[in-house]
Structure formats: structure tokens, C-alpha cells
Protein backbone atom coordinates (compact mmCIF):
# COMPACT_ATOMS: atom_id res chain seq x y z
CA MET A 1 -183.63 -2.39 8.94
CA HIS A 2 -182.11 -3.37 5.94
CA THR A 3 -178.90 -1.55 5.48
CA ARG A 4 -178.42 -0.53 1.48
CA ARG A 5 -174.34 -0.81 0.01
CA PHE A 6 -173.75 1.95 -2.96
CA TRP A 7 -171.97 -0.43 -4.99
CA THR A 8 -171.37 -0.74 -9.13
CA ALA A 9 -173.35 -3.95 -10.44
CA PRO A 10 -171.06 -6.53 -11.60
CA PHE A 11 -170.08 -7.60 -14.99
CA VAL A 12 -172.56 -10.80 -15.89
CA ALA A 13 -170.76 -13.87 -16.88
CA ALA A 14 -168.69 -14.49 -20.56
CA MET A 15 -171.63 -16.49 -21.82
CA ILE A 16 -173.97 -12.96 -22.08
CA THR A 17 -170.85 -11.10 -23.59
CA VAL A 18 -171.15 -13.43 -26.53
CA LEU A 19 -174.82 -12.85 -26.79
CA VAL A 20 -174.69 -9.38 -26.46
CA ALA A 21 -171.96 -9.51 -29.63
CA GLY A 22 -174.21 -11.94 -31.24
CA CYS A 23 -177.38 -9.86 -30.84
CA VAL A 24 -175.71 -6.54 -32.02
CA SER A 25 -174.17 -7.89 -35.25
CA ILE A 26 -177.54 -9.91 -36.23
CA GLY A 27 -179.75 -7.06 -35.59
CA GLY A 28 -177.57 -4.19 -36.25
CA ALA A 29 -177.70 -3.72 -39.30
CA ALA A 30 -180.11 -0.46 -40.83
CA PRO A 31 -182.84 -1.41 -43.05
CA ASP A 32 -181.32 -2.97 -46.55
CA SER A 33 -184.57 -1.95 -48.68
CA ALA A 34 -187.79 0.28 -49.42
CA SER A 35 -189.97 -2.79 -47.85
CA SER A 36 -188.45 -2.55 -44.66
CA GLN A 37 -188.33 1.29 -43.92
CA PRO A 38 -190.31 2.40 -41.27
CA GLU A 39 -193.53 3.80 -42.10
CA GLU A 40 -192.99 6.52 -39.52
CA PRO A 41 -189.76 7.28 -38.56
CA ASP A 42 -190.56 10.15 -36.06
CA ILE A 43 -192.03 8.14 -33.14
CA THR A 44 -192.28 9.74 -29.90
CA VAL A 45 -191.88 7.33 -26.41
CA ALA A 46 -193.32 8.19 -23.02
CA ALA A 47 -190.76 6.94 -20.80
CA ILE A 48 -190.62 6.67 -16.69
CA PRO A 49 -186.50 8.38 -15.66
CA ALA A 50 -185.72 4.98 -14.48
CA VAL A 51 -182.43 2.62 -14.51
CA ASP A 52 -184.92 -0.27 -15.85
CA LEU A 53 -185.34 1.41 -18.74
CA ALA A 54 -181.90 1.49 -19.65
CA GLY A 55 -182.12 -0.65 -22.89
CA LEU A 56 -184.06 2.39 -24.36
CA TYR A 57 -181.35 4.81 -23.40
CA ILE A 58 -178.55 2.93 -24.67
CA ALA A 59 -180.56 2.11 -27.76
CA LEU A 60 -180.89 6.35 -27.74
CA ASN A 61 -177.15 7.55 -27.22
CA ARG A 62 -175.88 4.69 -29.35
CA GLY A 63 -177.31 5.79 -32.23
CA LEU A 64 -178.64 2.24 -32.47
CA PHE A 65 -182.59 3.60 -33.44
CA ALA A 66 -180.82 5.97 -36.32
CA ARG A 67 -179.53 2.53 -37.49
CA GLN A 68 -182.89 1.07 -37.78
CA GLY A 69 -184.02 4.62 -39.57
CA LEU A 70 -185.68 5.67 -36.63
CA HIS A 71 -185.75 9.36 -34.85
CA VAL A 72 -186.49 8.84 -31.34
CA THR A 73 -188.20 11.41 -29.01
CA ILE A 74 -188.35 10.20 -25.33
CA ASP A 75 -190.68 11.80 -22.78
CA LYS A 76 -190.54 11.40 -19.37
CA ILE A 77 -193.16 10.20 -17.36
CA ALA A 78 -194.19 10.37 -13.59
CA SER A 79 -195.27 6.87 -13.73
CA SER A 80 -197.01 4.60 -16.95
CA ALA A 81 -200.62 5.47 -15.73
CA ALA A 82 -199.81 8.99 -16.30
CA VAL A 83 -199.34 8.75 -20.29
CA ILE A 84 -202.00 5.75 -20.94
CA GLY A 85 -205.16 8.24 -22.11
CA ASP A 86 -202.62 9.88 -23.89
CA GLN A 87 -201.56 6.71 -25.93
CA LEU A 88 -205.07 5.91 -26.47
CA LYS A 89 -205.59 9.10 -28.33
CA GLY A 90 -203.02 9.06 -30.52
CA GLN A 91 -200.90 10.76 -28.64
CA VAL A 92 -197.92 8.86 -27.94
CA ASP A 93 -196.46 6.54 -30.13
CA ILE A 94 -195.02 3.60 -27.37
CA SER A 95 -194.42 3.75 -23.86
CA ALA A 96 -192.32 2.39 -21.79
CA GLY A 97 -193.14 1.28 -17.57
CA SER A 98 -194.87 -1.17 -15.45
CA TYR A 99 -196.92 -3.29 -16.88
CA VAL A 100 -199.35 -2.71 -14.16
CA ALA A 101 -201.30 0.28 -15.34
CA TYR A 102 -201.63 -1.89 -18.91
CA ILE A 103 -203.12 -4.52 -17.50
CA LEU A 104 -205.44 -2.76 -15.53
CA ALA A 105 -206.37 -0.63 -18.76
CA GLN A 106 -206.98 -3.80 -20.85
CA ALA A 107 -209.25 -4.72 -18.04
CA ALA A 108 -211.09 -1.64 -18.81
CA GLY A 109 -211.30 -2.71 -22.56
CA ALA A 110 -207.87 -0.90 -23.74
CA ARG A 111 -206.08 -3.32 -26.56
CA PHE A 112 -202.53 -3.40 -25.97
CA ARG A 113 -199.65 -4.81 -27.08
CA ILE A 114 -196.28 -5.77 -25.20
CA LEU A 115 -193.50 -5.17 -28.38
CA ALA A 116 -190.49 -5.99 -25.84
CA GLU A 117 -189.89 -6.52 -22.04
CA ALA A 118 -187.88 -4.08 -20.64
CA SER A 119 -186.55 -5.01 -16.85
CA THR A 120 -186.89 -7.60 -14.16
CA LEU A 121 -186.81 -6.85 -10.43
CA ALA A 122 -183.20 -7.24 -9.37
CA PRO A 123 -182.06 -6.68 -5.56
CA ASP A 124 -182.27 -2.93 -3.84
CA THR A 125 -183.65 -1.29 -7.49
CA ARG A 126 -186.97 -1.47 -6.17
CA VAL A 127 -187.22 0.02 -1.89
CA LEU A 128 -189.01 0.97 0.65
CA VAL A 129 -187.28 4.67 1.91
CA THR A 130 -187.57 6.20 5.39
CA THR A 131 -185.67 9.26 6.49
CA ALA A 132 -182.31 9.22 8.77
CA ASP A 133 -184.01 9.73 11.60
CA SER A 134 -187.75 8.13 11.05
CA PRO A 135 -189.11 6.28 13.77
CA ILE A 136 -190.46 3.40 11.50
CA THR A 137 -187.29 0.46 11.58
CA THR A 138 -189.66 -2.42 10.94
CA ILE A 139 -192.03 -3.22 8.36
CA ALA A 140 -195.05 -3.50 10.94
CA GLY A 141 -193.93 0.39 12.02
CA LEU A 142 -195.38 1.53 8.59
CA ALA A 143 -199.34 0.29 9.38
CA GLY A 144 -201.50 3.06 9.98
CA ARG A 145 -198.79 5.03 8.09
CA LYS A 146 -198.94 7.19 4.94
CA ILE A 147 -196.31 5.22 1.82
CA GLY A 148 -195.74 7.91 -1.26
CA VAL A 149 -195.76 6.10 -4.37
CA ASN A 150 -195.18 7.46 -7.97
CA GLY A 151 -198.74 6.39 -9.19
CA THR A 152 -202.11 4.90 -8.77
CA ASN A 153 -202.73 1.24 -8.64
CA SER A 154 -199.12 0.58 -9.74
CA ILE A 155 -196.39 -1.57 -9.05
CA GLY A 156 -195.03 0.40 -6.07
CA THR A 157 -198.61 -0.20 -4.84
CA LEU A 158 -198.51 -4.04 -6.17
CA LEU A 159 -194.85 -4.95 -4.52
CA VAL A 160 -195.86 -3.08 -1.00
CA SER A 161 -198.58 -5.01 -0.85
CA ALA A 162 -197.22 -8.48 -1.51
CA LEU A 163 -194.41 -7.55 0.79
CA LEU A 164 -197.43 -6.64 3.90
CA SER A 165 -199.05 -9.60 3.11
CA ALA A 166 -196.04 -11.60 3.66
CA ARG A 167 -195.88 -10.40 7.25
CA GLY A 168 -199.47 -10.56 8.13
CA ILE A 169 -200.17 -6.99 7.95
CA SER A 170 -202.98 -6.49 5.50
CA PRO A 171 -202.24 -3.73 3.22
CA ARG A 172 -205.68 -1.91 4.01
CA LYS A 173 -203.78 -0.74 6.77
CA VAL A 174 -201.46 1.44 4.90
CA THR A 175 -202.34 4.80 2.71
CA PHE A 176 -201.34 4.97 -0.84
CA VAL A 177 -200.30 8.46 -2.05
CA THR A 178 -199.37 9.20 -5.31
CA ALA A 179 -196.88 11.80 -6.23
CA PRO A 180 -197.78 13.59 -9.44
CA ALA A 181 -194.28 14.26 -10.65
CA GLY A 182 -193.14 11.23 -9.77
CA PHE A 183 -189.52 9.95 -8.85
CA PRO A 184 -187.66 12.32 -8.88
CA ALA A 185 -189.35 14.41 -6.74
CA MET A 186 -189.79 11.87 -4.07
CA PRO A 187 -186.59 11.82 -1.78
CA GLY A 188 -187.00 15.77 -1.19
CA GLN A 189 -190.53 15.58 -0.55
CA LEU A 190 -189.89 12.36 1.69
CA GLY A 191 -187.49 14.30 3.65
CA ALA A 192 -190.24 17.02 3.84
CA GLY A 193 -192.40 14.99 5.71
CA ALA A 194 -195.44 14.13 2.89
CA TRP A 195 -195.41 10.49 4.07
CA ALA A 196 -193.88 8.37 6.67
CA ALA A 197 -192.00 6.09 3.66
CA ALA A 198 -191.44 6.04 0.00
CA PHE A 199 -191.45 3.55 -2.42
CA LEU A 200 -188.75 4.23 -5.31
CA ALA A 201 -186.55 2.98 -8.13
CA GLU A 202 -183.23 3.43 -9.72
CA PRO A 203 -181.52 5.80 -9.93
CA TYR A 204 -183.87 7.67 -6.81
CA VAL A 205 -182.80 4.98 -4.18
CA THR A 206 -179.14 6.08 -4.21
CA ALA A 207 -180.32 9.52 -4.99
CA ALA A 208 -182.04 9.57 -1.44
CA GLY A 209 -179.20 7.98 0.07
CA GLU A 210 -176.25 10.22 -1.55
CA GLU A 211 -178.15 13.58 -1.44
CA TYR A 212 -181.05 13.30 1.26
CA GLY A 213 -179.16 10.98 4.07
CA GLU A 214 -182.33 8.42 3.68
CA GLN A 215 -181.72 5.13 4.62
CA VAL A 216 -183.13 1.66 2.95
CA LEU A 217 -185.92 0.18 5.35
CA THR A 218 -186.44 -3.24 3.11
CA ASP A 219 -185.71 -4.50 -0.17
CA LEU A 220 -188.90 -5.33 -2.44
CA ASP A 221 -187.44 -7.93 -4.39
CA GLN A 222 -188.05 -10.69 -2.02
CA GLY A 223 -190.33 -13.47 -1.60
CA ALA A 224 -193.12 -14.31 -4.17
CA VAL A 225 -192.15 -11.27 -6.18
CA VAL A 226 -187.98 -12.37 -6.54
CA ASN A 227 -187.14 -11.36 -10.34
CA LEU A 228 -190.85 -10.10 -11.20
CA PRO A 229 -191.31 -8.72 -14.50
CA ILE A 230 -191.68 -5.06 -13.94
CA ASP A 231 -191.48 -2.57 -16.87
CA GLY A 232 -191.89 -3.08 -21.05
CA TYR A 233 -192.43 -1.03 -24.22
CA LEU A 234 -196.14 -1.00 -25.00
CA VAL A 235 -197.96 0.14 -28.02
CA THR A 236 -201.90 0.02 -28.57
CA ARG A 237 -202.70 -2.90 -31.11
CA ALA A 238 -204.43 -0.52 -33.23
CA TRP A 239 -200.96 1.52 -33.48
CA ALA A 240 -198.95 -1.92 -34.41
CA ARG A 241 -201.35 -2.27 -37.18
CA GLU A 242 -200.73 0.41 -38.76
CA HIS A 243 -196.97 0.65 -38.10
CA PRO A 244 -195.75 -3.30 -38.70
CA LYS A 245 -192.46 -1.78 -40.09
CA THR A 246 -191.55 0.87 -37.34
CA ALA A 247 -192.77 -1.45 -34.58
CA ALA A 248 -190.26 -3.93 -35.70
CA ALA A 249 -187.53 -1.76 -36.00
CA PHE A 250 -187.71 -0.48 -32.66
CA VAL A 251 -188.26 -3.67 -31.80
CA ARG A 252 -184.40 -4.48 -32.88
CA ALA A 253 -182.80 -1.05 -31.76
CA ILE A 254 -184.33 -2.24 -28.70
CA GLU A 255 -182.80 -5.50 -28.60
CA GLN A 256 -179.83 -4.46 -29.03
CA GLY A 257 -179.92 -1.49 -26.22
CA GLN A 258 -181.48 -4.53 -24.05
CA ALA A 259 -178.50 -7.18 -24.36
CA ILE A 260 -175.53 -4.53 -24.00
CA ALA A 261 -177.35 -3.28 -20.84
CA SER A 262 -177.14 -7.03 -19.43
CA GLY A 263 -173.66 -7.49 -20.11
CA ASP A 264 -172.33 -3.76 -19.81
CA ALA A 265 -173.03 -2.53 -16.20
CA PRO A 266 -170.63 0.36 -17.37
CA ALA A 267 -172.83 1.27 -20.48
CA VAL A 268 -175.28 1.39 -18.15
CA HIS A 269 -174.38 3.67 -16.16
CA ALA A 270 -172.96 6.36 -19.05
CA ALA A 271 -176.44 6.39 -20.44
CA MET A 272 -178.33 7.19 -17.33
CA ALA A 273 -175.56 9.64 -16.60
CA LYS A 274 -176.38 11.71 -20.00
CA TYR A 275 -180.59 11.31 -19.28
CA ASP A 276 -181.39 11.09 -15.50
CA ASP A 277 -180.05 14.66 -14.34
CA LEU A 278 -178.21 13.58 -11.48
CA PRO A 279 -174.93 13.93 -9.92
CA PRO A 280 -172.40 11.35 -11.30
CA ARG A 281 -171.63 10.04 -7.74
CA VAL A 282 -174.91 8.91 -7.59
CA THR A 283 -175.60 7.59 -11.27
CA ALA A 284 -172.04 5.41 -10.69
CA ALA A 285 -173.47 3.58 -7.68
CA ILE A 286 -177.38 2.62 -8.70
CA ALA A 287 -177.96 -0.99 -8.43
CA LEU A 288 -178.79 -2.35 -12.11
CA THR A 289 -182.34 -4.28 -12.46
CA GLY A 290 -182.40 -7.79 -14.98
CA TYR A 291 -182.63 -7.25 -18.47
CA PRO A 292 -184.58 -9.45 -20.68
CA VAL A 293 -183.57 -10.53 -24.58
CA GLY A 294 -185.30 -12.30 -26.39
CA PRO A 295 -189.38 -12.78 -27.39
CA VAL A 296 -191.79 -11.99 -24.62
CA VAL A 297 -192.33 -13.90 -22.21
CA ALA A 298 -196.10 -14.38 -21.37
CA ALA A 299 -195.81 -16.80 -18.50
CA GLY A 300 -193.59 -14.15 -16.33
CA ILE A 301 -195.70 -11.21 -16.57
CA GLN A 302 -198.88 -13.58 -15.80
CA ARG A 303 -197.42 -13.12 -12.12
CA ILE A 304 -197.92 -9.13 -12.24
CA ALA A 305 -202.07 -10.11 -12.96
CA LYS A 306 -201.72 -12.68 -10.94
CA ALA A 307 -200.79 -10.85 -7.86
CA MET A 308 -203.27 -8.22 -9.07
CA SER A 309 -206.26 -10.30 -8.39
CA GLN A 310 -204.80 -11.85 -5.48
CA PHE A 311 -204.63 -7.63 -3.86
CA GLY A 312 -207.95 -6.37 -5.66
CA MET A 313 -206.76 -4.48 -8.24
CA LEU A 314 -208.70 -6.96 -10.57
CA GLY A 315 -212.33 -7.97 -9.46
CA GLY A 316 -214.96 -9.92 -10.93
CA GLN A 317 -214.55 -11.40 -14.29
CA ASP A 318 -211.47 -9.55 -15.13
CA SER A 319 -209.76 -11.33 -12.33
CA THR A 320 -211.26 -14.81 -13.46
CA GLU A 321 -209.59 -13.45 -17.06
CA ALA A 322 -206.25 -12.89 -15.15
CA GLU A 323 -206.02 -16.36 -13.35
CA GLN A 324 -206.83 -17.93 -16.70
CA ARG A 325 -204.28 -16.15 -18.50
CA THR A 326 -206.54 -15.11 -21.46
CA LEU A 327 -206.34 -11.22 -19.77
CA VAL A 328 -202.08 -11.21 -20.44
CA GLU A 329 -202.07 -13.28 -23.57
CA SER A 330 -204.44 -10.75 -25.06
CA MET A 331 -201.64 -8.41 -24.44
CA ALA A 332 -198.85 -10.83 -25.47
CA GLY A 333 -199.71 -12.10 -28.62
CA PRO A 334 -198.79 -10.97 -32.26
CA GLY A 335 -201.53 -8.38 -34.34
């Protein structure tokens, strides 16, 4: 069994600090003319309450959106899949969450655009958790059991499927059960016996250990999915066409937030402490994801689409488009 050690992430090397300073100084100024003012200054961002989106919470906490002429309201959601319908109806401006749900929606005919990357998988940030007295002590012990996930056909089902397959276990031998309330409620539900194991993200991995005495069965950052892109910031292409200056302002602020998150662990802890509704001892001990800075890298996100095809989440022509990279490229390109 993997034993989780609770610690704060170390500072990133000095070169990253230089990058942070440069990014903030270049992109931090407010729009300097009427021509660069956002078309819509008041925007709603639907986001999962996870450390993966620390760049968003830092940008809000430090007034980086305001400097770009934006007033941002964050609506917490259980999973990205839970909000896609509302976003397609125009009820949400920007959403932030796992790419898996958006790739599935794109395959079904939706047209999304990735504005910016949010996170990449890192050690101890996506894990399988069991109760302290669970009889399950190995991955093989999951066969025939229920696993709680925060969303149907989500990054959780993909990462767990990759883990099981690597151990010679068919993902069909487990039953994935979606928790409608998402990560915040899942440690308690696991303790109450809802499932044999739960897929959790930080800060709820740490909360499970600190508040419920639950234990990590295995870290999911291993094998073929090491450093896998996890979450991003997405809009519909229609919204992007109608709000190009708003989208550009949002990206400028997010890039600043990402740069800070990638080099300043205390800033991440401080931002999450303000928004995650968890005790300070939990927030102070969370493991941190990777925080990409710069343009969207389609090749990285293609790894997700390829894995989705491998595990049957995409079929037929959609699988072909995933393998040929056209599906992801249709989301990552401009316009």
C-alpha cells in the first residue's frame, strides 16, 4: 500500500521565479485603451474546487482579473461534465475542469475552445483512497468493487482505467459510481460505506486523511499517465468569437496566476485556504499539481484523447479522429 506523506510542496527553482516576475510585469497592466476593453466585463467561471485551479483562485485573490477590467464570479461545480449543458446554452461564460468531458462533448458535436491550460498530473494529487480499516490493500483487491468518482466518464474513470490496465486488470471488473456533490462530499461518503474506494483530488486527498483517517491505496501519477494534462479553461467557440477581448483579458490574468502558482507554493496554499472551506491544517499540507504557463500545447492534451480511445470512451469515427489528432486540434486552435 502506498503511504501518503503530508507535506507542502517545495519551491520551484530560481529560473521559474524569473519567469513569474517576467510574466507579471509583461501581462499585468490593465487595458490601456478603449479598444482593448473587454466586451463583457462581468463573467462567470464554473470551476471544480480543486488545487488544479489554483491559478484561477490566485488571479481572483490578487486582483489580477480586475486589472484586466474583469469582474469574475466563480461558481463551484462537481465536475466539468455537470456544467457543459449550461455552457452550451450560454448560461456560463467560462468553465474550468477536466479535458475528458469536453473531448466527449466535442466528439458529440459541441464546439469548444481551450483558452489556457490549468494543471498537469503530479505525485499525490490524484489518488485512490480507502478507509483505514478497509480489507483492500492491493490494486487487485479492487476487482468486483465499486469506486466513487466525481463525474461520469471523467478523468477519474480514465486514470483508474489506466492503472488497472497496467496491472493486467480489465477496467470492466470495477463499477464506477458518480458522486453528484463531487469531491467535497466524497471523503464522508467513503467513510459511510458508499464505495470500496474513492478517486480524489487535492485538497480532498489531504482532507480524507486529516479529517477521516482514510488512507491512500495508490497514487495515480504513474506509468503512461505521468504528468498528464488534467484541467483547462474552456469556452464555446461561439462565445470566443463574440468576446475576443474578454477572452484575451481572461487569458492574461490566468497566465499571471499560473506563473505565480508554478513558483510560489505559499501563494497556492493561501488562495486555496480562502476558497476551499477546509481547515487551515488541511490546506497547509496539500500536494500541488503542475501549473503550465504559456500557449496551449495540443500534443499534451492529445495524450488524453488517445487514452480515451484506448479505454473505449470514444468509439468509431470519434476514436479515429482522436488517433489522428483532429479532435483535439479542433479545440486547441484559434478562432
